Amino acid sequence: GIITFPLEKEYFGVKVTVLRNTISFFIALIIAVVTGILFGEIL
């Protein structure tokens, strides 16, 4: 996340850290949408 970015940057590099955070964000977004659909909040 944003808090751990400086530490991750040292270990993995900026490119991998940004990629990992972007992928994690989209996975969280997909889970949120699916949960919303399953509980009838969306659609």
C-alpha atoms as a PDB file:
ATOM      1  CA  GLY A   1       0.000   0.000   0.000  1.00  0.00           C
ATOM      2  CA  ILE A   2       0.903   3.649   0.294  1.00  0.00           C
ATOM      3  CA  ILE A   3       2.260   3.224   3.829  1.00  0.00           C
ATOM      4  CA  THR A   4       4.637   0.394   2.886  1.00  0.00           C
ATOM      5  CA  PHE A   5       5.747   1.947  -0.421  1.00  0.00           C
ATOM      6  CA  PRO A   6       9.168   3.200   0.789  1.00  0.00           C
ATOM      7  CA  LEU A   7      10.066  -0.212   2.239  1.00  0.00           C
ATOM      8  CA  GLU A   8       8.802  -2.146  -0.793  1.00  0.00           C
ATOM      9  CA  LYS A   9      10.651   0.251  -3.102  1.00  0.00           C
ATOM     10  CA  GLU A  10      13.945  -0.688  -1.431  1.00  0.00           C
ATOM     11  CA  TYR A  11      13.347  -4.437  -1.690  1.00  0.00           C
ATOM     12  CA  PHE A  12      11.517  -4.795  -5.022  1.00  0.00           C
ATOM     13  CA  GLY A  13      12.143  -1.564  -6.925  1.00  0.00           C
ATOM     14  CA  VAL A  14       9.645   1.085  -7.974  1.00  0.00           C
ATOM     15  CA  LYS A  15       8.312  -0.741 -11.050  1.00  0.00           C
ATOM     16  CA  VAL A  16       7.423  -3.960  -9.204  1.00  0.00           C
ATOM     17  CA  THR A  17       5.966  -2.058  -6.242  1.00  0.00           C
ATOM     18  CA  VAL A  18       3.698   0.096  -8.415  1.00  0.00           C
ATOM     19  CA  LEU A  19       2.653  -2.959 -10.457  1.00  0.00           C
ATOM     20  CA  ARG A  20       1.857  -4.967  -7.318  1.00  0.00           C
ATOM     21  CA  ASN A  21      -0.167  -2.123  -5.817  1.00  0.00           C
ATOM     22  CA  THR A  22      -2.066  -1.577  -9.081  1.00  0.00           C
ATOM     23  CA  ILE A  23      -2.916  -5.275  -9.402  1.00  0.00           C
ATOM     24  CA  SER A  24      -4.001  -5.395  -5.745  1.00  0.00           C
ATOM     25  CA  PHE A  25      -6.233  -2.355  -6.268  1.00  0.00           C
ATOM     26  CA  PHE A  26      -7.997  -3.911  -9.255  1.00  0.00           C
ATOM     27  CA  ILE A  27      -8.449  -7.251  -7.467  1.00  0.00           C
ATOM     28  CA  ALA A  28     -10.026  -5.387  -4.529  1.00  0.00           C
ATOM     29  CA  LEU A  29     -12.265  -3.481  -6.960  1.00  0.00           C
ATOM     30  CA  ILE A  30     -13.413  -6.711  -8.649  1.00  0.00           C
ATOM     31  CA  ILE A  31     -14.147  -8.318  -5.268  1.00  0.00           C
ATOM     32  CA  ALA A  32     -16.122  -5.238  -4.196  1.00  0.00           C
ATOM     33  CA  VAL A  33     -18.219  -5.304  -7.390  1.00  0.00           C
ATOM     34  CA  VAL A  34     -18.871  -9.064  -7.129  1.00  0.00           C
ATOM     35  CA  THR A  35     -19.842  -8.674  -3.468  1.00  0.00           C
ATOM     36  CA  GLY A  36     -22.174  -5.813  -4.391  1.00  0.00           C
ATOM     37  CA  ILE A  37     -23.820  -7.933  -7.097  1.00  0.00           C
ATOM     38  CA  LEU A  38     -24.201 -10.954  -4.795  1.00  0.00           C
ATOM     39  CA  PHE A  39     -25.816  -8.868  -2.057  1.00  0.00           C
ATOM     40  CA  GLY A  40     -28.093  -7.074  -4.525  1.00  0.00           C
ATOM     41  CA  GLU A  41     -26.610  -3.622  -4.003  1.00  0.00           C
ATOM     42  CA  ILE A  42     -25.478  -3.382  -7.639  1.00  0.00           C
ATOM     43  CA  LEU A  43     -27.750  -4.427 -10.543  1.00  0.00           C
END
